Amino acid sequence: MLEIKSMKARRDTWRSPEVNLTLRRGEIAAIIGLSGSGKTSILLSLIGLLPYDGVAEYGGVEIKLIDKTYLRSKIAYVPDEPESYLLNRRVFDEVAFGPENLGWHPRKIIESTIKALEIVGLLNLYDSEVSALSGGQKQRLVIADALSISPEIILLDNPFSNIDWEAKKTISKTLEQLCGEGISIILTGYSLEELHLKPDKTLFIGEFGEPYSNGDGNVSHHPSERTRKLLEVRDVSFSYDKIRNILRGVSFSANAGEIISIIGRNGVGKTTLLKILAGIYRPDKGIISINGVRPNSRLSTYVSQNPSAFLTETTPREELSMHRKIDMINFLEEIGLSYLLDRPIYTLSLGEKRVISILSGLSRGTLLLCLDEPTSGLDYKLRHVVGEMLRKATESGMMVITATHDISFAEAYSDKILLLEDGVIYDDWRRILDG
């Protein structure tokens, strides 16, 4: 079905590592490597969006010679930055867009769209605004986009990064069922453990990081200002439509110099809560104070889970020079990533963009930094970098609050983990998840 021999994806003078793969009907192949190693570029070459050296054949025909419209009806690509690929206002219209472009009969379009939404668990949201979905729900939506055209091969770029633990199990099982029906899959990741399903074939690219290790599991506490309460959240409620509360009485407090992680399923309101803490949204009810003052952009910074939406300049150097309360350019050099400084941001991998967006948030020097999915798109090496970066930032009294599905990261680097469930915050998160 797909034959790859000595293939290297090309971006100007850059070449990806060489890959060799024979993918047969119903097989799963995994490409494992660090952020920036070339995994995404290889997938983009397979759908004709990037040139390549070597041989890449689909059905015995060189991919570069196949009509692009036909090729993309047979090989579907699911990106690691879903928001960059979503085009329609409503969920149903978004998933129906692919088969409509292929000229399918209206009845077949409807049937295919319903089936795809059902597979990813979004059928109940068919009439929802795409903009109102959580990051994880958007990631499931682009998987539905791919499934709706009934492809023979699906390319999944880091597909589980923003999805909660329940959805990971469901989608993994679904992908295995699709393979049983004859669909072939290539997916990328940073380790086999994170794929949540067993591939038939695995390609390893470059070096590899190690899982988190944090001694006895306790975060090292800094002596700075940890006894001074910086954030107070009391009985906060919020709804988008004034009918159903996303948050319904959230209460917690945190001290200066702490790292707090908020976990929870997709769509429970983690991003909404961070935006309220950053002063982007105002709660319908309740009180929030940062150092005794209502949240605003001078006190709190929100860093989106979509780094491309947060970064506004052309290069990392220009981005990090905008706010120089903290010298992040020097820090980037200290952690060995100075080679990124003058590269166009759009050419960076998702993980590299993620690091730059977090550094840009830190450079503003606000008392509270709100990070939405800070490890999404990061390999173990970069997750360690981000974790140590946040610890260093809190030494000066800054407080960091993250919304994350990466429980291992939360356990390694947080002072406190809170679970958001049914609009309420719980601190006995482990008992609730285990129960």
Protein backbone atom coordinates (compact mmCIF):
# COMPACT_ATOMS: atom_id res chain seq x y z
CA MET A 1 0.00 0.00 0.00
CA LEU A 2 2.73 2.47 1.03
CA GLU A 3 6.42 1.93 0.25
CA ILE A 4 9.08 4.30 1.60
CA LYS A 5 12.75 3.79 0.73
CA SER A 6 15.59 6.07 1.89
CA MET A 7 13.12 8.99 2.05
CA LYS A 8 14.10 12.36 3.53
CA ALA A 9 11.63 15.24 3.81
CA ARG A 10 13.00 18.61 2.60
CA ARG A 11 12.58 22.16 3.86
CA ASP A 12 14.96 24.40 1.86
CA THR A 13 18.44 23.09 2.72
CA TRP A 14 17.27 21.02 5.71
CA ARG A 15 16.69 17.27 5.40
CA SER A 16 14.87 14.99 7.81
CA PRO A 17 16.43 11.73 9.01
CA GLU A 18 16.14 8.92 6.47
CA VAL A 19 13.13 6.62 6.83
CA ASN A 20 12.32 3.22 5.36
CA LEU A 21 8.90 1.64 5.75
CA THR A 22 6.58 -0.84 4.07
CA LEU A 23 3.03 -0.23 5.32
CA ARG A 24 0.43 -2.85 4.47
CA ARG A 25 -3.33 -2.76 4.73
CA GLY A 26 -4.54 -2.68 8.35
CA GLU A 27 -1.10 -2.03 9.88
CA ILE A 28 -0.06 0.60 12.45
CA ALA A 29 3.36 2.22 12.16
CA ALA A 30 4.87 4.64 14.69
CA ILE A 31 7.55 7.28 14.15
CA ILE A 32 9.21 8.11 17.48
CA GLY A 33 11.57 11.05 18.02
CA LEU A 34 12.25 14.29 19.86
CA SER A 35 10.62 17.65 19.11
CA GLY A 36 12.07 19.10 15.91
CA SER A 37 13.46 15.76 14.71
CA GLY A 38 11.42 15.83 11.49
CA LYS A 39 8.37 13.67 12.28
CA THR A 40 5.83 16.24 11.07
CA SER A 41 7.85 17.00 7.93
CA ILE A 42 7.86 13.31 7.00
CA LEU A 43 4.06 13.13 7.32
CA LEU A 44 3.61 16.30 5.27
CA SER A 45 5.77 14.81 2.51
CA LEU A 46 3.47 11.79 2.38
CA ILE A 47 0.48 13.99 1.49
CA GLY A 48 2.42 16.06 -1.04
CA LEU A 49 2.81 19.25 1.01
CA LEU A 50 6.61 19.03 1.27
CA PRO A 51 9.17 17.78 -1.25
CA TYR A 52 11.33 14.77 -0.45
CA ASP A 53 14.37 12.85 -1.59
CA GLY A 54 14.27 9.11 -2.10
CA VAL A 55 11.24 6.95 -2.85
CA ALA A 56 7.69 7.21 -1.48
CA GLU A 57 5.06 5.22 -3.34
CA TYR A 58 1.35 4.82 -2.74
CA GLY A 59 -0.23 1.93 -4.62
CA GLY A 60 2.97 1.52 -6.62
CA VAL A 61 2.96 5.14 -7.86
CA GLU A 62 5.42 7.82 -6.72
CA ILE A 63 3.56 10.21 -4.39
CA LYS A 64 4.97 13.34 -6.03
CA LEU A 65 3.32 12.24 -9.32
CA ILE A 66 -0.16 11.62 -7.86
CA ASP A 67 -2.91 14.25 -8.20
CA LYS A 68 -3.06 16.06 -4.84
CA THR A 69 -6.86 15.98 -4.56
CA TYR A 70 -6.94 12.24 -5.20
CA LEU A 71 -4.01 11.65 -2.84
CA ARG A 72 -5.68 13.46 0.05
CA SER A 73 -8.88 11.47 -0.45
CA LYS A 74 -6.84 8.33 0.20
CA ILE A 75 -4.31 9.57 2.77
CA ALA A 76 -5.77 11.79 5.53
CA TYR A 77 -3.56 13.94 7.75
CA VAL A 78 -4.38 14.88 11.35
CA PRO A 79 -2.17 17.81 12.51
CA ASP A 80 -0.61 18.41 15.92
CA GLU A 81 -1.94 22.01 15.91
CA PRO A 82 -5.66 21.45 15.25
CA GLU A 83 -6.73 25.10 15.49
CA SER A 84 -4.61 25.93 12.43
CA TYR A 85 -6.67 23.50 10.32
CA LEU A 86 -10.23 24.09 11.50
CA LEU A 87 -12.17 26.12 8.93
CA ASN A 88 -15.88 26.01 9.75
CA ARG A 89 -18.04 27.59 12.40
CA ARG A 90 -20.04 24.57 13.55
CA VAL A 91 -18.88 21.07 14.43
CA PHE A 92 -21.07 19.21 11.93
CA ASP A 93 -20.12 21.55 9.07
CA GLU A 94 -16.43 21.13 9.90
CA VAL A 95 -16.53 17.34 9.62
CA ALA A 96 -18.77 17.43 6.53
CA PHE A 97 -16.38 19.81 4.74
CA GLY A 98 -14.03 17.07 3.50
CA PRO A 99 -16.60 14.80 1.82
CA GLU A 100 -18.39 17.85 0.41
CA ASN A 101 -15.17 18.91 -1.33
CA LEU A 102 -14.87 15.41 -2.78
CA GLY A 103 -18.33 15.79 -4.34
CA TRP A 104 -20.07 13.04 -2.39
CA HIS A 105 -23.86 12.61 -2.48
CA PRO A 106 -25.57 14.60 0.36
CA ARG A 107 -26.94 11.45 2.00
CA LYS A 108 -23.50 9.85 2.03
CA ILE A 109 -21.99 13.07 3.46
CA ILE A 110 -24.46 13.08 6.36
CA GLU A 111 -23.94 9.39 7.12
CA SER A 112 -20.15 9.70 7.02
CA THR A 113 -20.14 12.83 9.20
CA ILE A 114 -22.39 11.28 11.85
CA LYS A 115 -20.25 8.13 11.94
CA ALA A 116 -17.00 10.11 12.31
CA LEU A 117 -18.40 12.26 15.14
CA GLU A 118 -19.72 9.17 16.88
CA ILE A 119 -16.31 7.47 16.70
CA VAL A 120 -14.51 10.38 18.44
CA GLY A 121 -17.28 10.99 20.98
CA LEU A 122 -18.44 14.38 19.71
CA LEU A 123 -21.84 13.54 18.22
CA ASN A 124 -23.61 15.22 21.14
CA LEU A 125 -21.81 18.47 20.18
CA TYR A 126 -22.70 18.32 16.46
CA ASP A 127 -24.42 21.74 16.54
CA SER A 128 -21.86 23.45 18.79
CA GLU A 129 -19.61 26.33 17.81
CA VAL A 130 -16.10 25.07 17.03
CA SER A 131 -14.68 28.08 18.88
CA ALA A 132 -16.42 26.95 22.08
CA LEU A 133 -14.69 23.55 22.13
CA SER A 134 -11.80 22.81 24.45
CA GLY A 135 -8.36 22.10 23.03
CA GLY A 136 -8.80 18.37 23.50
CA GLN A 137 -12.20 18.41 21.83
CA LYS A 138 -10.69 20.25 18.85
CA GLN A 139 -8.03 17.57 18.60
CA ARG A 140 -10.76 14.92 18.49
CA LEU A 141 -12.58 17.04 15.90
CA VAL A 142 -9.66 17.00 13.43
CA ILE A 143 -9.50 13.21 13.84
CA ALA A 144 -13.19 13.16 12.86
CA ASP A 145 -12.30 15.36 9.85
CA ALA A 146 -9.87 12.68 8.71
CA LEU A 147 -12.27 9.78 9.31
CA SER A 148 -15.15 11.45 7.44
CA ILE A 149 -13.55 10.94 4.00
CA SER A 150 -13.07 7.17 4.59
CA PRO A 151 -9.33 7.21 3.79
CA GLU A 152 -7.17 4.14 3.29
CA ILE A 153 -4.32 5.62 5.36
CA ILE A 154 -4.50 8.04 8.30
CA LEU A 155 -1.46 10.06 9.37
CA LEU A 156 -1.77 11.13 13.02
CA ASP A 157 0.71 13.75 14.24
CA ASN A 158 1.11 13.43 18.02
CA PRO A 159 -2.61 12.64 18.33
CA PHE A 160 -2.93 12.19 22.11
CA SER A 161 -1.21 15.36 23.38
CA ASN A 162 -4.35 17.35 24.33
CA ILE A 163 -6.76 14.50 25.00
CA ASP A 164 -7.85 13.42 28.48
CA TRP A 165 -7.17 9.93 29.82
CA GLU A 166 -10.64 8.57 29.11
CA ALA A 167 -10.66 9.79 25.50
CA LYS A 168 -7.16 8.37 24.93
CA LYS A 169 -8.40 4.88 25.77
CA THR A 170 -11.52 5.28 23.63
CA ILE A 171 -9.70 6.66 20.58
CA SER A 172 -6.90 4.08 20.86
CA LYS A 173 -9.49 1.30 20.83
CA THR A 174 -11.23 2.96 17.88
CA LEU A 175 -7.99 3.17 15.88
CA GLU A 176 -7.35 -0.52 16.48
CA GLN A 177 -10.87 -1.29 15.27
CA LEU A 178 -10.29 0.80 12.14
CA CYS A 179 -7.17 -1.21 11.42
CA GLY A 180 -9.28 -4.34 11.73
CA GLU A 181 -11.47 -2.88 8.98
CA GLY A 182 -8.44 -2.42 6.72
CA ILE A 183 -7.39 1.19 7.38
CA SER A 184 -3.64 1.71 7.84
CA ILE A 185 -2.24 4.23 10.33
CA ILE A 186 1.03 6.10 10.79
CA LEU A 187 1.30 8.09 14.01
CA THR A 188 4.08 10.07 15.65
CA GLY A 189 5.06 10.42 19.29
CA TYR A 190 7.87 10.94 21.77
CA SER A 191 7.81 7.46 23.29
CA LEU A 192 6.02 4.17 22.74
CA GLU A 193 4.44 4.47 26.20
CA GLU A 194 2.54 7.60 25.15
CA LEU A 195 0.95 6.06 22.05
CA HIS A 196 -1.65 4.07 24.03
CA LEU A 197 -1.70 1.34 21.38
CA LYS A 198 0.79 -1.18 20.06
CA PRO A 199 2.23 -0.48 16.59
CA ASP A 200 3.12 -3.26 14.16
CA LYS A 201 6.21 -1.32 13.08
CA THR A 202 8.26 1.41 14.79
CA LEU A 203 10.77 3.88 13.34
CA PHE A 204 13.06 5.66 15.83
CA ILE A 205 14.51 9.06 14.89
CA GLY A 206 17.45 10.63 16.72
CA GLU A 207 17.97 10.78 20.49
CA PHE A 208 15.47 10.08 23.24
CA GLY A 209 14.69 11.59 26.60
CA GLU A 210 13.94 9.87 29.88
CA PRO A 211 10.66 9.94 31.83
CA TYR A 212 10.31 12.37 34.71
CA SER A 213 12.31 11.65 37.82
CA ASN A 214 12.03 13.82 40.86
CA GLY A 215 13.77 12.03 43.69
CA ASP A 216 11.21 10.99 46.26
CA GLY A 217 8.41 12.66 44.29
CA ASN A 218 8.31 15.85 46.34
CA VAL A 219 8.87 19.25 44.76
CA SER A 220 11.80 21.12 46.26
CA HIS A 221 10.41 24.16 48.03
CA HIS A 222 12.05 27.52 47.66
CA PRO A 223 12.41 29.72 50.72
CA SER A 224 11.24 32.85 48.88
CA GLU A 225 7.71 34.01 49.79
CA ARG A 226 5.80 30.75 50.07
CA THR A 227 3.91 31.78 53.19
CA ARG A 228 2.39 34.86 51.49
CA LYS A 229 -1.02 34.24 49.96
CA LEU A 230 -1.01 35.66 46.42
CA LEU A 231 -4.19 34.27 44.85
CA GLU A 232 -7.65 33.96 46.35
CA VAL A 233 -10.50 32.36 44.36
CA ARG A 234 -13.83 32.23 46.16
CA ASP A 235 -17.14 30.76 44.93
CA VAL A 236 -16.49 31.52 41.23
CA SER A 237 -19.17 30.58 38.69
CA PHE A 238 -19.20 31.11 34.93
CA SER A 239 -21.34 30.21 31.92
CA TYR A 240 -21.12 31.10 28.23
CA ASP A 241 -24.85 30.98 27.56
CA LYS A 242 -26.26 31.99 30.99
CA ILE A 243 -27.97 28.58 31.11
CA ARG A 244 -25.38 25.91 31.91
CA ASN A 245 -22.60 26.77 34.33
CA ILE A 246 -19.13 25.64 33.22
CA LEU A 247 -17.83 26.62 36.66
CA ARG A 248 -20.18 26.50 39.64
CA GLY A 249 -18.54 27.56 42.86
CA VAL A 250 -14.79 27.16 42.33
CA SER A 251 -12.77 28.03 45.42
CA PHE A 252 -9.05 27.68 46.23
CA SER A 253 -6.07 29.77 47.26
CA ALA A 254 -2.35 29.71 46.47
CA ASN A 255 0.83 31.31 47.72
CA ALA A 256 3.55 33.24 45.97
CA GLY A 257 6.25 31.00 44.51
CA GLU A 258 3.97 27.99 44.04
CA ILE A 259 3.31 25.89 40.95
CA ILE A 260 -0.31 24.69 40.84
CA SER A 261 -1.58 22.17 38.28
CA ILE A 262 -5.26 21.85 37.37
CA ILE A 263 -6.26 18.55 35.77
CA GLY A 264 -9.58 17.31 34.41
CA ARG A 265 -11.35 15.89 31.38
CA ASN A 266 -11.69 17.74 28.06
CA GLY A 267 -14.38 20.41 28.17
CA VAL A 268 -14.72 20.70 31.97
CA GLY A 269 -13.58 24.35 32.00
CA LYS A 270 -9.82 24.32 32.68
CA THR A 271 -9.06 26.84 29.92
CA THR A 272 -12.04 28.95 30.97
CA LEU A 273 -10.74 29.09 34.54
CA LEU A 274 -7.26 30.14 33.39
CA LYS A 275 -8.73 32.93 31.27
CA ILE A 276 -10.73 34.16 34.26
CA LEU A 277 -7.56 34.16 36.38
CA ALA A 278 -5.84 36.19 33.65
CA GLY A 279 -8.66 38.75 33.53
CA ILE A 280 -9.71 37.81 29.98
CA TYR A 281 -13.16 36.69 31.19
CA ARG A 282 -15.09 38.00 34.17
CA PRO A 283 -16.89 35.48 36.38
CA ASP A 284 -20.68 35.63 36.64
CA LYS A 285 -20.32 35.24 40.37
CA GLY A 286 -17.58 35.08 42.97
CA ILE A 287 -14.37 36.88 43.89
CA ILE A 288 -10.84 36.58 42.50
CA SER A 289 -7.94 38.61 43.81
CA ILE A 290 -4.25 38.61 42.90
CA ASN A 291 -2.28 40.33 45.61
CA GLY A 292 -5.54 41.93 46.70
CA VAL A 293 -6.42 43.25 43.21
CA ARG A 294 -8.85 41.98 40.56
CA PRO A 295 -7.06 40.10 37.70
CA ASN A 296 -5.72 42.22 34.85
CA SER A 297 -2.96 42.05 32.22
CA ARG A 298 -0.46 43.82 34.50
CA LEU A 299 -0.80 41.13 37.15
CA SER A 300 -1.51 37.97 35.19
CA THR A 301 -0.51 36.46 31.82
CA TYR A 302 -2.34 33.72 29.95
CA VAL A 303 -0.34 31.57 27.49
CA SER A 304 -2.62 29.74 25.06
CA GLN A 305 -2.34 26.02 24.34
CA ASN A 306 -2.05 27.05 20.68
CA PRO A 307 1.41 28.70 20.58
CA SER A 308 0.93 29.92 17.01
CA ALA A 309 -1.98 32.07 18.24
CA PHE A 310 0.07 33.48 21.13
CA LEU A 311 3.29 34.31 19.27
CA THR A 312 3.03 37.53 17.25
CA GLU A 313 6.54 38.27 15.99
CA THR A 314 8.60 36.81 13.13
CA THR A 315 11.44 35.22 15.10
CA PRO A 316 11.96 34.11 18.72
CA ARG A 317 14.50 36.92 19.20
CA GLU A 318 11.92 39.53 18.21
CA GLU A 319 9.24 37.83 20.33
CA LEU A 320 11.39 37.67 23.45
CA SER A 321 12.61 41.25 23.00
CA MET A 322 9.08 42.65 23.30
CA HIS A 323 8.93 42.31 27.09
CA ARG A 324 12.27 42.47 28.84
CA LYS A 325 11.23 42.46 32.50
CA ILE A 326 12.98 39.10 32.58
CA ASP A 327 15.81 38.35 30.11
CA MET A 328 14.50 35.25 28.36
CA ILE A 329 16.94 35.51 25.43
CA ASN A 330 19.81 34.89 27.84
CA PHE A 331 17.91 32.00 29.39
CA LEU A 332 17.30 30.43 25.97
CA GLU A 333 21.05 30.50 25.44
CA GLU A 334 21.64 28.93 28.87
CA ILE A 335 19.43 25.93 28.08
CA GLY A 336 21.12 25.32 24.74
CA LEU A 337 18.32 26.49 22.45
CA SER A 338 19.92 29.69 21.17
CA TYR A 339 19.97 28.20 17.65
CA LEU A 340 16.21 28.91 17.53
CA LEU A 341 16.56 32.66 18.09
CA ASP A 342 16.67 33.82 14.47
CA ARG A 343 14.62 31.12 12.81
CA PRO A 344 11.19 32.10 11.44
CA ILE A 345 8.66 31.01 14.06
CA TYR A 346 6.44 29.34 11.48
CA THR A 347 9.26 26.87 10.65
CA LEU A 348 9.61 25.68 14.27
CA SER A 349 8.11 22.42 15.51
CA LEU A 350 5.10 22.53 17.83
CA GLY A 351 7.36 21.75 20.80
CA GLU A 352 9.82 24.52 19.91
CA LYS A 353 6.95 27.01 19.52
CA ARG A 354 5.62 25.86 22.88
CA VAL A 355 8.92 26.63 24.64
CA ILE A 356 9.15 30.07 22.99
CA SER A 357 5.55 30.91 23.96
CA ILE A 358 6.22 29.99 27.61
CA LEU A 359 9.41 32.06 27.61
CA SER A 360 7.47 34.96 26.09
CA GLY A 361 4.91 34.65 28.88
CA LEU A 362 7.63 34.59 31.52
CA SER A 363 9.37 37.62 30.00
CA ARG A 364 6.36 39.82 30.88
CA GLY A 365 7.20 39.46 34.55
CA THR A 366 3.63 39.34 35.91
CA LEU A 367 2.87 37.93 39.37
CA LEU A 368 0.75 35.09 37.94
CA LEU A 369 1.50 33.02 34.83
CA CYS A 370 -1.35 30.83 33.51
CA LEU A 371 -0.14 28.09 31.15
CA ASP A 372 -2.62 26.09 29.09
CA GLU A 373 -1.28 22.57 28.32
CA PRO A 374 2.40 23.62 28.72
CA THR A 375 3.80 20.18 27.80
CA SER A 376 1.63 19.48 24.75
CA GLY A 377 3.93 18.86 21.81
CA LEU A 378 7.02 18.49 24.01
CA ASP A 379 9.30 15.48 24.21
CA TYR A 380 10.69 14.40 27.60
CA LYS A 381 13.82 16.51 27.13
CA LEU A 382 11.87 19.73 26.57
CA ARG A 383 9.42 18.89 29.36
CA HIS A 384 12.33 18.76 31.77
CA VAL A 385 13.51 22.12 30.40
CA VAL A 386 10.07 23.68 30.93
CA GLY A 387 9.71 22.20 34.41
CA GLU A 388 13.06 23.54 35.58
CA MET A 389 12.33 26.86 33.90
CA LEU A 390 9.11 27.21 35.90
CA ARG A 391 10.83 26.26 39.16
CA LYS A 392 13.46 28.93 38.54
CA ALA A 393 10.77 31.53 37.78
CA THR A 394 8.96 30.85 41.06
CA GLU A 395 12.12 31.56 43.09
CA SER A 396 11.40 35.27 42.66
CA GLY A 397 7.85 34.89 44.02
CA MET A 398 5.99 34.44 40.72
CA MET A 399 3.16 31.91 40.86
CA VAL A 400 2.42 29.50 38.00
CA ILE A 401 -0.90 27.77 37.34
CA THR A 402 -1.09 25.15 34.60
CA ALA A 403 -4.03 23.34 33.04
CA THR A 404 -2.75 19.96 31.90
CA HIS A 405 -3.48 16.34 31.05
CA ASP A 406 0.14 15.44 31.77
CA ILE A 407 -0.26 14.05 35.27
CA SER A 408 3.36 12.81 35.37
CA PHE A 409 4.59 16.37 34.77
CA ALA A 410 2.15 17.73 37.35
CA GLU A 411 3.37 15.26 39.96
CA ALA A 412 7.04 16.01 39.23
CA TYR A 413 6.88 19.81 39.24
CA SER A 414 3.76 20.98 41.11
CA ASP A 415 3.37 22.01 44.72
CA LYS A 416 -0.33 21.20 44.49
CA ILE A 417 -2.61 19.36 42.04
CA LEU A 418 -6.30 20.26 41.80
CA LEU A 419 -8.99 18.34 39.91
CA LEU A 420 -11.74 20.27 38.10
CA GLU A 421 -14.81 18.08 37.80
CA ASP A 422 -18.47 19.07 37.27
CA GLY A 423 -17.57 22.75 37.68
CA VAL A 424 -15.99 22.32 41.12
CA ILE A 425 -12.35 22.10 42.31
CA TYR A 426 -11.22 19.09 44.39
CA ASP A 427 -7.84 18.65 46.07
CA ASP A 428 -8.28 14.90 46.71
CA TRP A 429 -7.85 14.28 42.96
CA ARG A 430 -6.19 10.88 43.22
CA ARG A 431 -9.05 9.33 45.21
CA ILE A 432 -11.59 10.64 42.71
CA LEU A 433 -9.70 9.40 39.65
CA ASP A 434 -8.99 6.01 41.22
CA GLY A 435 -12.58 5.72 42.36
